Amino acid sequence: MSREELEHRVYGWGREVESNAVEYAIHGLRAKLGSTAIRNIRGVGWTVPRDPAPS
């Protein structure tokens, strides 16, 4: 999902979102779930593998 897709699904339309809110949330999730749980594809967005490798 792209950043814009995540912002729309989490915050809805017409809501002001801090510039790094999505990145901050992803960082926190990766810290708890492991760095391989959520992957960033540069210029595209984030993806969650079906079977994440253990960290």
PDB file of N, CA and C in Angstrom:
ATOM      1  N   MET A   1       0.844  -1.181   0.000  1.00  0.00           N
ATOM      2  CA  MET A   1       0.000   0.000   0.000  1.00  0.00           C
ATOM      3  C   MET A   1       0.883   1.235   0.000  1.00  0.00           C
ATOM      4  N   SER A   2       0.439   2.225  -0.665  1.00  0.00           N
ATOM      5  CA  SER A   2       1.175   3.486  -0.668  1.00  0.00           C
ATOM      6  C   SER A   2       0.849   4.272   0.607  1.00  0.00           C
ATOM      7  N   ARG A   3       1.629   5.288   0.843  1.00  0.00           N
ATOM      8  CA  ARG A   3       1.403   6.142   2.010  1.00  0.00           C
ATOM      9  C   ARG A   3       0.010   6.774   1.949  1.00  0.00           C
ATOM     10  N   GLU A   4      -0.374   7.235   0.759  1.00  0.00           N
ATOM     11  CA  GLU A   4      -1.684   7.870   0.597  1.00  0.00           C
ATOM     12  C   GLU A   4      -2.813   6.888   0.896  1.00  0.00           C
ATOM     13  N   GLU A   5      -2.679   5.632   0.463  1.00  0.00           N
ATOM     14  CA  GLU A   5      -3.689   4.617   0.743  1.00  0.00           C
ATOM     15  C   GLU A   5      -3.794   4.358   2.244  1.00  0.00           C
ATOM     16  N   LEU A   6      -2.653   4.240   2.914  1.00  0.00           N
ATOM     17  CA  LEU A   6      -2.666   4.026   4.356  1.00  0.00           C
ATOM     18  C   LEU A   6      -3.296   5.200   5.089  1.00  0.00           C
ATOM     19  N   GLU A   7      -2.942   6.417   4.707  1.00  0.00           N
ATOM     20  CA  GLU A   7      -3.521   7.601   5.354  1.00  0.00           C
ATOM     21  C   GLU A   7      -5.030   7.628   5.179  1.00  0.00           C
ATOM     22  N   HIS A   8      -5.505   7.312   3.990  1.00  0.00           N
ATOM     23  CA  HIS A   8      -6.949   7.314   3.740  1.00  0.00           C
ATOM     24  C   HIS A   8      -7.657   6.259   4.592  1.00  0.00           C
ATOM     25  N   ARG A   9      -7.096   5.057   4.658  1.00  0.00           N
ATOM     26  CA  ARG A   9      -7.735   3.980   5.415  1.00  0.00           C
ATOM     27  C   ARG A   9      -7.688   4.219   6.926  1.00  0.00           C
ATOM     28  N   VAL A  10      -6.613   4.809   7.409  1.00  0.00           N
ATOM     29  CA  VAL A  10      -6.477   5.019   8.853  1.00  0.00           C
ATOM     30  C   VAL A  10      -7.160   6.301   9.298  1.00  0.00           C
ATOM     31  N   TYR A  11      -6.957   7.394   8.578  1.00  0.00           N
ATOM     32  CA  TYR A  11      -7.428   8.705   9.022  1.00  0.00           C
ATOM     33  C   TYR A  11      -8.674   9.190   8.299  1.00  0.00           C
ATOM     34  N   GLY A  12      -8.993   8.651   7.144  1.00  0.00           N
ATOM     35  CA  GLY A  12     -10.149   9.092   6.378  1.00  0.00           C
ATOM     36  C   GLY A  12      -9.858  10.359   5.600  1.00  0.00           C
ATOM     37  N   TRP A  13     -10.772  10.704   4.731  1.00  0.00           N
ATOM     38  CA  TRP A  13     -10.611  11.906   3.905  1.00  0.00           C
ATOM     39  C   TRP A  13     -10.835  13.158   4.736  1.00  0.00           C
ATOM     40  N   GLY A  14     -10.151  14.213   4.373  1.00  0.00           N
ATOM     41  CA  GLY A  14     -10.355  15.502   5.003  1.00  0.00           C
ATOM     42  C   GLY A  14      -9.690  15.677   6.357  1.00  0.00           C
ATOM     43  N   ARG A  15      -8.913  14.712   6.772  1.00  0.00           N
ATOM     44  CA  ARG A  15      -8.216  14.824   8.058  1.00  0.00           C
ATOM     45  C   ARG A  15      -6.781  15.253   7.804  1.00  0.00           C
ATOM     46  N   GLU A  16      -6.299  16.158   8.623  1.00  0.00           N
ATOM     47  CA  GLU A  16      -4.907  16.608   8.527  1.00  0.00           C
ATOM     48  C   GLU A  16      -4.025  15.576   9.207  1.00  0.00           C
ATOM     49  N   VAL A  17      -3.007  15.102   8.489  1.00  0.00           N
ATOM     50  CA  VAL A  17      -2.119  14.064   9.007  1.00  0.00           C
ATOM     51  C   VAL A  17      -0.715  14.638   9.081  1.00  0.00           C
ATOM     52  N   GLU A  18      -0.053  14.422  10.221  1.00  0.00           N
ATOM     53  CA  GLU A  18       1.336  14.861  10.348  1.00  0.00           C
ATOM     54  C   GLU A  18       2.162  14.209   9.252  1.00  0.00           C
ATOM     55  N   SER A  19       3.188  14.887   8.801  1.00  0.00           N
ATOM     56  CA  SER A  19       3.959  14.423   7.656  1.00  0.00           C
ATOM     57  C   SER A  19       4.625  13.081   7.879  1.00  0.00           C
ATOM     58  N   ASN A  20       4.965  12.744   9.118  1.00  0.00           N
ATOM     59  CA  ASN A  20       5.652  11.479   9.360  1.00  0.00           C
ATOM     60  C   ASN A  20       4.819  10.501  10.184  1.00  0.00           C
ATOM     61  N   ALA A  21       3.517  10.703  10.277  1.00  0.00           N
ATOM     62  CA  ALA A  21       2.667   9.857  11.110  1.00  0.00           C
ATOM     63  C   ALA A  21       2.690   8.404  10.654  1.00  0.00           C
ATOM     64  N   VAL A  22       2.603   8.170   9.349  1.00  0.00           N
ATOM     65  CA  VAL A  22       2.591   6.802   8.833  1.00  0.00           C
ATOM     66  C   VAL A  22       3.946   6.143   9.061  1.00  0.00           C
ATOM     67  N   GLU A  23       5.024   6.861   8.746  1.00  0.00           N
ATOM     68  CA  GLU A  23       6.364   6.308   8.946  1.00  0.00           C
ATOM     69  C   GLU A  23       6.609   5.962  10.417  1.00  0.00           C
ATOM     70  N   TYR A  24       6.138   6.809  11.308  1.00  0.00           N
ATOM     71  CA  TYR A  24       6.305   6.576  12.746  1.00  0.00           C
ATOM     72  C   TYR A  24       5.553   5.311  13.171  1.00  0.00           C
ATOM     73  N   ALA A  25       4.339   5.140  12.684  1.00  0.00           N
ATOM     74  CA  ALA A  25       3.553   3.949  13.016  1.00  0.00           C
ATOM     75  C   ALA A  25       4.209   2.685  12.466  1.00  0.00           C
ATOM     76  N   ILE A  26       4.691   2.740  11.228  1.00  0.00           N
ATOM     77  CA  ILE A  26       5.370   1.593  10.614  1.00  0.00           C
ATOM     78  C   ILE A  26       6.626   1.249  11.420  1.00  0.00           C
ATOM     79  N   HIS A  27       7.379   2.268  11.815  1.00  0.00           N
ATOM     80  CA  HIS A  27       8.593   2.051  12.611  1.00  0.00           C
ATOM     81  C   HIS A  27       8.260   1.312  13.911  1.00  0.00           C
ATOM     82  N   GLY A  28       7.216   1.747  14.594  1.00  0.00           N
ATOM     83  CA  GLY A  28       6.813   1.105  15.838  1.00  0.00           C
ATOM     84  C   GLY A  28       6.377  -0.344  15.635  1.00  0.00           C
ATOM     85  N   LEU A  29       5.626  -0.593  14.567  1.00  0.00           N
ATOM     86  CA  LEU A  29       5.204  -1.965  14.272  1.00  0.00           C
ATOM     87  C   LEU A  29       6.395  -2.863  13.953  1.00  0.00           C
ATOM     88  N   ARG A  30       7.331  -2.339  13.156  1.00  0.00           N
ATOM     89  CA  ARG A  30       8.512  -3.135  12.812  1.00  0.00           C
ATOM     90  C   ARG A  30       9.357  -3.423  14.048  1.00  0.00           C
ATOM     91  N   ALA A  31       9.407  -2.491  14.990  1.00  0.00           N
ATOM     92  CA  ALA A  31      10.165  -2.712  16.222  1.00  0.00           C
ATOM     93  C   ALA A  31       9.540  -3.842  17.047  1.00  0.00           C
ATOM     94  N   LYS A  32       8.213  -3.926  17.034  1.00  0.00           N
ATOM     95  CA  LYS A  32       7.529  -4.952  17.808  1.00  0.00           C
ATOM     96  C   LYS A  32       7.447  -6.292  17.080  1.00  0.00           C
ATOM     97  N   LEU A  33       7.259  -6.254  15.766  1.00  0.00           N
ATOM     98  CA  LEU A  33       7.045  -7.481  14.997  1.00  0.00           C
ATOM     99  C   LEU A  33       8.302  -8.044  14.358  1.00  0.00           C
ATOM    100  N   GLY A  34       9.349  -7.237  14.289  1.00  0.00           N
ATOM    101  CA  GLY A  34      10.578  -7.656  13.614  1.00  0.00           C
ATOM    102  C   GLY A  34      10.725  -6.894  12.306  1.00  0.00           C
ATOM    103  N   SER A  35      11.943  -6.689  11.926  1.00  0.00           N
ATOM    104  CA  SER A  35      12.213  -5.843  10.759  1.00  0.00           C
ATOM    105  C   SER A  35      11.752  -6.462   9.444  1.00  0.00           C
ATOM    106  N   THR A  36      11.528  -7.768   9.410  1.00  0.00           N
ATOM    107  CA  THR A  36      11.087  -8.396   8.163  1.00  0.00           C
ATOM    108  C   THR A  36       9.570  -8.486   8.056  1.00  0.00           C
ATOM    109  N   ALA A  37       8.839  -8.066   9.087  1.00  0.00           N
ATOM    110  CA  ALA A  37       7.384  -8.174   9.087  1.00  0.00           C
ATOM    111  C   ALA A  37       6.729  -7.215   8.102  1.00  0.00           C
ATOM    112  N   ILE A  38       7.332  -6.047   7.920  1.00  0.00           N
ATOM    113  CA  ILE A  38       6.806  -5.042   6.993  1.00  0.00           C
ATOM    114  C   ILE A  38       7.963  -4.580   6.128  1.00  0.00           C
ATOM    115  N   ARG A  39       7.816  -4.701   4.828  1.00  0.00           N
ATOM    116  CA  ARG A  39       8.880  -4.297   3.905  1.00  0.00           C
ATOM    117  C   ARG A  39       8.480  -3.033   3.169  1.00  0.00           C
ATOM    118  N   ASN A  40       9.446  -2.171   2.951  1.00  0.00           N
ATOM    119  CA  ASN A  40       9.234  -0.961   2.156  1.00  0.00           C
ATOM    120  C   ASN A  40       9.769  -1.202   0.757  1.00  0.00           C
ATOM    121  N   ILE A  41       8.936  -0.911  -0.222  1.00  0.00           N
ATOM    122  CA  ILE A  41       9.355  -0.971  -1.614  1.00  0.00           C
ATOM    123  C   ILE A  41       9.459   0.477  -2.070  1.00  0.00           C
ATOM    124  N   ARG A  42      10.682   0.936  -2.226  1.00  0.00           N
ATOM    125  CA  ARG A  42      10.946   2.343  -2.510  1.00  0.00           C
ATOM    126  C   ARG A  42      10.151   2.826  -3.725  1.00  0.00           C
ATOM    127  N   GLY A  43       9.444   3.932  -3.533  1.00  0.00           N
ATOM    128  CA  GLY A  43       8.659   4.529  -4.598  1.00  0.00           C
ATOM    129  C   GLY A  43       7.298   3.894  -4.806  1.00  0.00           C
ATOM    130  N   VAL A  44       7.006   2.810  -4.069  1.00  0.00           N
ATOM    131  CA  VAL A  44       5.731   2.115  -4.234  1.00  0.00           C
ATOM    132  C   VAL A  44       4.920   2.157  -2.947  1.00  0.00           C
ATOM    133  N   GLY A  45       5.515   1.667  -1.857  1.00  0.00           N
ATOM    134  CA  GLY A  45       4.804   1.631  -0.580  1.00  0.00           C
ATOM    135  C   GLY A  45       5.304   0.505   0.284  1.00  0.00           C
ATOM    136  N   TRP A  46       4.447   0.008   1.162  1.00  0.00           N
ATOM    137  CA  TRP A  46       4.806  -1.048   2.097  1.00  0.00           C
ATOM    138  C   TRP A  46       4.072  -2.326   1.747  1.00  0.00           C
ATOM    139  N   THR A  47       4.675  -3.443   2.125  1.00  0.00           N
ATOM    140  CA  THR A  47       4.052  -4.738   1.908  1.00  0.00           C
ATOM    141  C   THR A  47       4.315  -5.627   3.116  1.00  0.00           C
ATOM    142  N   VAL A  48       3.394  -6.535   3.353  1.00  0.00           N
ATOM    143  CA  VAL A  48       3.527  -7.513   4.423  1.00  0.00           C
ATOM    144  C   VAL A  48       3.614  -8.874   3.755  1.00  0.00           C
ATOM    145  N   PRO A  49       4.757  -9.561   3.896  1.00  0.00           N
ATOM    146  CA  PRO A  49       4.890 -10.889   3.287  1.00  0.00           C
ATOM    147  C   PRO A  49       3.873 -11.874   3.889  1.00  0.00           C
ATOM    148  N   ARG A  50       3.460 -12.839   3.095  1.00  0.00           N
ATOM    149  CA  ARG A  50       2.519 -13.845   3.592  1.00  0.00           C
ATOM    150  C   ARG A  50       3.121 -14.656   4.730  1.00  0.00           C
ATOM    151  N   ASP A  51       4.377 -15.045   4.591  1.00  0.00           N
ATOM    152  CA  ASP A  51       5.068 -15.806   5.623  1.00  0.00           C
ATOM    153  C   ASP A  51       6.353 -15.066   5.996  1.00  0.00           C
ATOM    154  N   PRO A  52       6.264 -14.084   6.929  1.00  0.00           N
ATOM    155  CA  PRO A  52       7.471 -13.322   7.281  1.00  0.00           C
ATOM    156  C   PRO A  52       8.534 -14.220   7.900  1.00  0.00           C
ATOM    157  N   ALA A  53       9.771 -13.958   7.517  1.00  0.00           N
ATOM    158  CA  ALA A  53      10.898 -14.702   8.084  1.00  0.00           C
ATOM    159  C   ALA A  53      11.087 -14.279   9.531  1.00  0.00           C
ATOM    160  N   PRO A  54      11.445 -15.210  10.416  1.00  0.00           N
ATOM    161  CA  PRO A  54      11.669 -14.820  11.815  1.00  0.00           C
ATOM    162  C   PRO A  54      12.849 -13.877  11.943  1.00  0.00           C
ATOM    163  N   SER A  55      12.753 -12.914  12.875  1.00  0.00           N
ATOM    164  CA  SER A  55      13.847 -11.959  13.052  1.00  0.00           C
ATOM    165  C   SER A  55      14.837 -12.423  14.071  1.00  0.00           C
TER     166      SER A  55
END
